[in-house]
Each structure stands twice: as C-alpha cells, then as structure tokens.
C-alpha cells in the first residue's frame, strides 16, 4: 500500500473510534506523531487499532496493566498524553 494512502487510512481509523475520548486520545496521538513513524511503528499502531478502545485507553492512562506486546517506546509516548488538546 502506498505510504500516503496508509497514513490517510490510519488517520481516519484513529479519529473514528466511537467515543470522543477515544478519538481525542488515539487520533491526537496519531496526529502528533504519525507522520514521522517508521514502517515498523506504523505496523505497531495499525495492529493496536484492532484492540478495544477501552483497553488502549486503559493501557495509556495506566488504569489497566499493559500486555507485553504493546508495552514499549510507542506506548510510552502514548502515555505522555501531551498530545491531547485540553480546552482552557
């Protein structure tokens, strides 16, 4: 698949999760970091999108233990939550 098309597809899937909270967390993470990801990182994120939103969000905020297959530098970046817009 063409890289640009893959990014567009992942952006859409990131921002259309089903709840506003998941859209902000997962879509915001993709928007903040996705353009610079390697093909392996894109593979990781694409596979992560197959998981349930409540699990992804729980792993990212630390309310659920993160399975070893998802724990690593990418999940650490997701845990920072610095990419989620907070209205003031």
Protein backbone atom coordinates (compact mmCIF):
# COMPACT_ATOMS: atom_id res chain seq x y z
CA UNK A 1 0.00 0.00 0.00
CA UNK A 2 1.25 3.49 -0.83
CA UNK A 3 2.65 5.29 2.25
CA UNK A 4 0.44 8.39 1.84
CA UNK A 5 -2.69 6.29 1.48
CA UNK A 6 -1.72 4.25 4.52
CA UNK A 7 -1.31 7.41 6.59
CA UNK A 8 -4.71 8.73 5.47
CA UNK A 9 -6.34 5.41 6.31
CA UNK A 10 -4.73 5.31 9.76
CA UNK A 11 -5.71 8.92 10.42
CA UNK A 12 -9.33 8.13 9.62
CA UNK A 13 -9.32 4.99 11.79
CA UNK A 14 -7.65 6.93 14.61
CA UNK A 15 -10.29 9.66 14.65
CA UNK A 16 -13.36 7.44 14.18
CA UNK A 17 -13.20 5.18 17.20
CA UNK A 18 -16.73 5.59 18.55
CA UNK A 19 -16.30 7.87 21.53
CA UNK A 20 -15.00 11.42 21.77
CA UNK A 21 -12.48 10.40 24.44
CA UNK A 22 -11.00 7.64 22.28
CA UNK A 23 -10.95 9.92 19.24
CA UNK A 24 -9.01 12.56 21.15
CA UNK A 25 -6.54 10.12 22.67
CA UNK A 26 -5.89 7.84 19.72
CA UNK A 27 -6.45 10.40 16.96
CA UNK A 28 -4.45 13.04 18.80
CA UNK A 29 -1.59 10.59 19.27
CA UNK A 30 -1.57 9.80 15.56
CA UNK A 31 -1.72 13.47 14.56
CA UNK A 32 1.15 14.37 16.89
CA UNK A 33 3.47 11.52 15.93
CA UNK A 34 2.24 9.51 12.93
CA UNK A 35 3.91 11.45 10.13
CA UNK A 36 7.37 10.61 11.47
CA UNK A 37 6.83 6.92 12.18
CA UNK A 38 8.83 4.19 10.51
CA UNK A 39 7.05 1.36 8.69
CA UNK A 40 7.53 -0.84 11.78
CA UNK A 41 5.96 1.81 14.01
CA UNK A 42 3.05 2.14 11.58
CA UNK A 43 2.63 -1.65 11.72
CA UNK A 44 2.51 -1.47 15.53
CA UNK A 45 -0.08 1.30 15.50
CA UNK A 46 -2.18 -0.39 12.84
CA UNK A 47 -2.27 -3.58 14.92
CA UNK A 48 -3.06 -1.57 18.06
CA UNK A 49 -6.14 -0.14 16.35
CA UNK A 50 -7.57 -3.67 16.26
CA UNK A 51 -7.73 -3.67 20.06
CA UNK A 52 -10.71 -2.39 22.05
CA UNK A 53 -10.68 1.34 22.77
CA UNK A 54 -11.23 0.83 26.49
CA UNK A 55 -8.15 -1.38 26.60
CA UNK A 56 -5.98 1.05 24.61
CA UNK A 57 -7.07 3.95 26.79
CA UNK A 58 -6.58 1.93 29.99
CA UNK A 59 -3.05 0.97 28.95
CA UNK A 60 -2.25 4.58 28.05
CA UNK A 61 -3.52 6.12 31.29
CA UNK A 62 -2.29 3.27 33.47
CA UNK A 63 -5.63 2.05 34.80
CA UNK A 64 -5.03 -1.37 33.19
CA UNK A 65 -1.78 -3.32 33.05
CA UNK A 66 -0.34 -3.14 29.56
CA UNK A 67 0.33 -6.50 27.88
CA UNK A 68 4.00 -7.01 26.96
CA UNK A 69 3.28 -6.99 23.21
CA UNK A 70 2.05 -3.40 23.44
CA UNK A 71 4.42 -2.08 26.09
CA UNK A 72 7.44 -0.22 24.76
CA UNK A 73 8.52 3.13 23.34
CA UNK A 74 5.32 3.70 21.37
CA UNK A 75 3.08 3.08 24.39
CA UNK A 76 5.38 5.26 26.50
CA UNK A 77 4.83 8.08 24.00
CA UNK A 78 1.09 7.46 24.16
CA UNK A 79 1.22 7.58 27.97
CA UNK A 80 2.60 11.12 27.90
CA UNK A 81 -0.86 12.42 26.87
CA UNK A 82 0.82 15.71 25.91
CA UNK A 83 -0.89 15.44 22.52
CA UNK A 84 -4.47 15.58 23.88
CA UNK A 85 -5.93 19.08 23.50
CA UNK A 86 -7.30 20.44 26.75
CA UNK A 87 -9.73 23.38 26.38
CA UNK A 88 -9.00 26.24 28.76
